[in-house]
């Protein structure tokens, strides 16, 4: 498989290594200094592009890749206020975008577990729910995309919560997400249910970025030859 990389930071380099280990060819690398290469023959020859950049440039990256006829796999977060618009563009233009807030298999299993637990806790209103996410100091968006996805899964199942909010809840129907930025933490996500007599806590603690990078390459393998807006639920068999 021929892969183009969009973004060549720590994640881009890790994806490059894992892709090569899995027998794939890196045909183009686009970073901030050579965005004109979206129009290059090398980029156009790619079967798929894997994009990890910043929220302010992600959508433009998708569009430039689509214009070159290249499907995109992306893990960039922080832009999802425009998610419905992007889905329309994908559908109307016949494009392909595989997007996930987190490509880790473990995180996606954790998301399934969290959603299932929320369904159980819907019957027990004495438990209030909060979330905490911890990431490295380089992460630009807060809450993390993974935390938002977790929160949306909880909101689907927990009738007493109607929206998530940053840091502190001001009303009983709000789900607060506390964001902590420290050191080089790859990612820790915790969901906590607490009553007057006890608490139930589930946590996913990423040990490195390798799980994210491997998941992105596996998603790229899955995406080639497909159309539309795709996500980890498609890759994992829609078990949620």
Protein backbone atom coordinates (compact mmCIF):
# COMPACT_ATOMS: atom_id res chain seq x y z
CA UNK A 1 0.00 0.00 0.00
CA UNK A 2 1.26 3.50 -0.87
CA UNK A 3 0.81 5.95 2.00
CA UNK A 4 1.18 9.73 2.10
CA UNK A 5 1.79 11.34 5.48
CA UNK A 6 0.27 14.72 6.27
CA UNK A 7 2.00 16.03 9.38
CA UNK A 8 5.47 14.90 10.37
CA UNK A 9 5.66 15.42 14.10
CA UNK A 10 6.06 12.66 16.67
CA UNK A 11 2.95 10.85 15.50
CA UNK A 12 3.85 11.17 11.84
CA UNK A 13 7.30 9.68 12.40
CA UNK A 14 5.88 6.86 14.50
CA UNK A 15 3.25 6.09 11.85
CA UNK A 16 5.99 6.07 9.22
CA UNK A 17 8.01 3.47 11.15
CA UNK A 18 5.04 1.21 11.83
CA UNK A 19 3.77 1.48 8.24
CA UNK A 20 7.17 0.44 6.90
CA UNK A 21 7.32 -2.44 9.38
CA UNK A 22 3.98 -3.64 8.01
CA UNK A 23 5.35 -3.60 4.47
CA UNK A 24 3.87 -0.32 3.22
CA UNK A 25 5.58 2.37 1.16
CA UNK A 26 5.68 6.04 2.17
CA UNK A 27 5.41 7.93 -1.12
CA UNK A 28 5.02 11.50 0.19
CA UNK A 29 5.45 13.45 3.39
CA UNK A 30 3.74 16.83 3.72
CA UNK A 31 4.49 19.16 6.60
CA UNK A 32 4.22 22.91 7.17
CA UNK A 33 7.13 23.71 4.86
CA UNK A 34 5.97 21.89 1.70
CA UNK A 35 2.19 22.10 1.46
CA UNK A 36 2.54 22.69 -2.29
CA UNK A 37 3.28 18.96 -2.55
CA UNK A 38 -0.43 18.17 -2.28
CA UNK A 39 -0.37 18.65 -6.06
CA UNK A 40 2.69 16.49 -6.68
CA UNK A 41 2.59 13.24 -8.66
CA UNK A 42 4.02 11.44 -5.62
CA UNK A 43 1.13 12.54 -3.41
CA UNK A 44 -1.42 11.73 -6.09
CA UNK A 45 -0.01 8.21 -6.36
CA UNK A 46 -0.91 7.43 -2.73
CA UNK A 47 -3.62 4.88 -1.97
CA UNK A 48 -4.39 6.75 1.25
CA UNK A 49 -3.13 9.71 3.30
CA UNK A 50 -2.76 9.60 7.07
CA UNK A 51 -3.24 13.03 8.65
CA UNK A 52 -2.19 14.10 12.16
CA UNK A 53 -1.82 17.87 12.32
CA UNK A 54 -3.67 20.71 14.08
CA UNK A 55 -7.38 21.56 14.18
CA UNK A 56 -6.98 24.88 12.37
CA UNK A 57 -5.51 23.24 9.26
CA UNK A 58 -7.09 19.77 9.28
CA UNK A 59 -10.14 20.55 7.13
CA UNK A 60 -8.04 22.28 4.49
CA UNK A 61 -5.74 19.24 4.47
CA UNK A 62 -8.70 16.93 3.88
CA UNK A 63 -9.98 19.03 1.00
CA UNK A 64 -6.58 19.29 -0.67
CA UNK A 65 -6.11 15.53 -0.40
CA UNK A 66 -9.58 14.87 -1.84
CA UNK A 67 -8.84 17.27 -4.69
CA UNK A 68 -5.84 15.07 -5.48
CA UNK A 69 -8.07 11.99 -5.43
CA UNK A 70 -6.57 10.60 -2.21
CA UNK A 71 -8.72 9.24 0.66
CA UNK A 72 -7.83 10.43 4.15
CA UNK A 73 -7.40 8.78 7.54
CA UNK A 74 -7.22 11.43 10.27
CA UNK A 75 -6.75 11.58 14.01
CA UNK A 76 -6.73 15.35 14.33
CA UNK A 77 -9.21 16.60 16.93
CA UNK A 78 -10.51 20.02 17.96
CA UNK A 79 -12.50 20.74 14.78
CA UNK A 80 -15.64 18.64 15.36
CA UNK A 81 -17.95 21.64 15.67
CA UNK A 82 -17.81 21.39 11.86
CA UNK A 83 -18.32 17.62 11.76
CA UNK A 84 -21.77 17.76 10.11
CA UNK A 85 -20.43 20.06 7.39
CA UNK A 86 -17.50 17.71 6.70
CA UNK A 87 -19.82 14.70 6.53
CA UNK A 88 -21.91 16.56 3.93
CA UNK A 89 -18.82 17.34 1.89
CA UNK A 90 -17.78 13.68 2.01
CA UNK A 91 -21.21 12.50 0.89
CA UNK A 92 -21.76 15.14 -1.79
CA UNK A 93 -18.25 14.88 -3.22
CA UNK A 94 -17.96 11.10 -3.13
CA UNK A 95 -14.89 11.42 -0.89
CA UNK A 96 -13.47 9.15 1.80
CA UNK A 97 -12.61 10.20 5.36
CA UNK A 98 -11.86 7.79 8.17
CA UNK A 99 -11.82 9.93 11.31
CA UNK A 100 -11.41 8.94 14.92
CA UNK A 101 -10.66 10.90 18.05
CA UNK A 102 -8.50 7.94 19.09
CA UNK A 103 -7.18 5.01 17.06
CA UNK A 104 -6.12 2.87 20.02
CA UNK A 105 -7.88 -0.50 20.15
CA UNK A 106 -7.82 -0.32 23.95
CA UNK A 107 -9.39 3.13 24.02
CA UNK A 108 -12.18 2.02 21.71
CA UNK A 109 -12.88 -1.02 23.90
CA UNK A 110 -12.90 1.41 26.84
CA UNK A 111 -15.44 3.58 25.00
CA UNK A 112 -17.70 0.55 24.52
CA UNK A 113 -17.36 -0.31 28.21
CA UNK A 114 -18.13 3.27 29.25
CA UNK A 115 -21.25 3.40 27.10
CA UNK A 116 -22.45 0.05 28.46
CA UNK A 117 -21.81 1.20 32.05
CA UNK A 118 -23.75 4.41 31.42
CA UNK A 119 -26.72 2.32 30.31
CA UNK A 120 -26.58 0.38 33.58
CA UNK A 121 -26.19 3.56 35.66
CA UNK A 122 -29.23 5.13 34.01
CA UNK A 123 -31.32 3.17 36.53
CA UNK A 124 -29.43 4.52 39.54
CA UNK A 125 -29.85 8.31 39.77
CA UNK A 126 -28.02 8.46 43.11
CA UNK A 127 -24.75 8.25 41.16
CA UNK A 128 -23.35 11.40 39.60
CA UNK A 129 -20.79 11.11 36.81
CA UNK A 130 -17.64 13.14 36.11
CA UNK A 131 -14.69 12.75 33.74
CA UNK A 132 -11.00 13.63 33.87
CA UNK A 133 -8.49 13.52 31.02
CA UNK A 134 -4.72 14.01 31.29
CA UNK A 135 -2.40 14.68 28.32
CA UNK A 136 1.03 16.03 27.49
CA UNK A 137 1.59 19.77 27.52
CA UNK A 138 1.81 19.93 23.69
CA UNK A 139 -1.84 18.99 23.20
CA UNK A 140 -3.72 22.03 21.91
CA UNK A 141 -7.37 21.09 22.42
CA UNK A 142 -9.15 20.59 25.74
CA UNK A 143 -11.12 18.54 26.47
CA UNK A 144 -9.47 15.91 24.32
CA UNK A 145 -11.35 14.51 21.35
CA UNK A 146 -11.39 11.14 23.09
CA UNK A 147 -12.98 12.67 26.20
CA UNK A 148 -15.66 14.33 24.07
CA UNK A 149 -16.39 11.02 22.30
CA UNK A 150 -16.62 9.29 25.69
CA UNK A 151 -18.93 12.01 26.97
CA UNK A 152 -21.21 11.76 23.93
CA UNK A 153 -21.46 8.00 24.48
CA UNK A 154 -22.48 8.58 28.10
CA UNK A 155 -25.04 11.22 27.11
CA UNK A 156 -26.65 8.72 24.72
CA UNK A 157 -27.33 6.33 27.58
CA UNK A 158 -27.72 8.50 30.69
CA UNK A 159 -31.03 10.37 30.61
CA UNK A 160 -30.19 12.67 33.53
CA UNK A 161 -27.29 14.27 31.64
CA UNK A 162 -27.99 16.41 28.57
CA UNK A 163 -24.62 18.03 27.76
CA UNK A 164 -20.95 18.01 28.67
CA UNK A 165 -19.13 21.09 29.96
CA UNK A 166 -15.53 22.05 30.63
CA UNK A 167 -14.13 21.68 34.13
CA UNK A 168 -17.12 22.23 36.44
CA UNK A 169 -20.85 21.58 36.19
CA UNK A 170 -23.22 24.44 36.99
CA UNK A 171 -26.40 22.36 36.72
CA UNK A 172 -27.36 18.75 37.56
CA UNK A 173 -27.83 17.80 33.90
CA UNK A 174 -24.24 18.73 32.97
CA UNK A 175 -21.37 16.25 32.66
CA UNK A 176 -18.10 17.99 33.61
CA UNK A 177 -14.81 17.10 31.93
CA UNK A 178 -11.66 18.19 33.76
CA UNK A 179 -8.57 18.59 31.54
CA UNK A 180 -5.01 18.36 32.90
CA UNK A 181 -1.89 19.08 30.83
CA UNK A 182 1.42 17.84 32.23
CA UNK A 183 4.71 16.35 31.11
CA UNK A 184 4.67 13.88 28.21
CA UNK A 185 1.56 11.90 29.23
CA UNK A 186 0.24 10.03 26.13
CA UNK A 187 -3.31 10.02 27.51
CA UNK A 188 -5.27 9.04 30.61
CA UNK A 189 -9.09 9.05 30.59
CA UNK A 190 -11.16 8.40 33.71
CA UNK A 191 -14.92 8.12 34.13
CA UNK A 192 -16.16 8.23 37.74
CA UNK A 193 -19.62 7.55 39.14
CA UNK A 194 -20.05 8.67 42.73
CA UNK A 195 -22.83 8.35 45.29
CA UNK A 196 -23.02 9.21 48.99
CA UNK A 197 -21.86 5.71 49.92
CA UNK A 198 -19.39 4.61 47.22
CA UNK A 199 -17.85 5.27 43.83
CA UNK A 200 -17.18 3.34 40.62
CA UNK A 201 -14.21 4.37 38.48
CA UNK A 202 -12.97 3.12 35.10
CA UNK A 203 -9.71 4.35 33.56
CA UNK A 204 -7.75 3.89 30.37
CA UNK A 205 -4.06 4.76 30.69
CA UNK A 206 -2.04 4.78 27.46
CA UNK A 207 1.58 3.70 27.98
CA UNK A 208 2.84 5.18 24.70
CA UNK A 209 1.70 6.61 21.38
CA UNK A 210 2.42 3.32 19.58
CA UNK A 211 -1.13 2.03 20.03
CA UNK A 212 -2.50 5.16 18.36
CA UNK A 213 -0.05 4.92 15.47
CA UNK A 214 -0.67 1.22 14.86
CA UNK A 215 -4.42 1.82 14.89
CA UNK A 216 -4.06 4.59 12.32
CA UNK A 217 -2.13 2.31 9.96
CA UNK A 218 -4.67 -0.50 10.42
CA UNK A 219 -7.43 2.05 9.71
CA UNK A 220 -5.61 3.05 6.51
CA UNK A 221 -5.45 -0.59 5.44
CA UNK A 222 -9.19 -0.87 6.10
CA UNK A 223 -10.03 2.39 4.28
CA UNK A 224 -8.44 1.67 0.90
CA UNK A 225 -11.17 1.00 -1.66
CA UNK A 226 -14.01 2.35 0.52
CA UNK A 227 -16.10 5.51 0.21
CA UNK A 228 -17.84 7.74 2.72
CA UNK A 229 -17.31 8.79 6.31
CA UNK A 230 -15.82 5.96 8.35
CA UNK A 231 -14.82 5.45 11.97
CA UNK A 232 -13.55 2.94 14.47
CA UNK A 233 -17.04 1.44 14.85
CA UNK A 234 -16.79 0.38 11.20
CA UNK A 235 -13.32 -1.07 11.67
CA UNK A 236 -14.28 -2.93 14.84
CA UNK A 237 -17.51 -4.36 13.47
CA UNK A 238 -20.01 -1.83 14.79
CA UNK A 239 -20.10 -3.59 18.16
CA UNK A 240 -21.23 -0.48 19.98
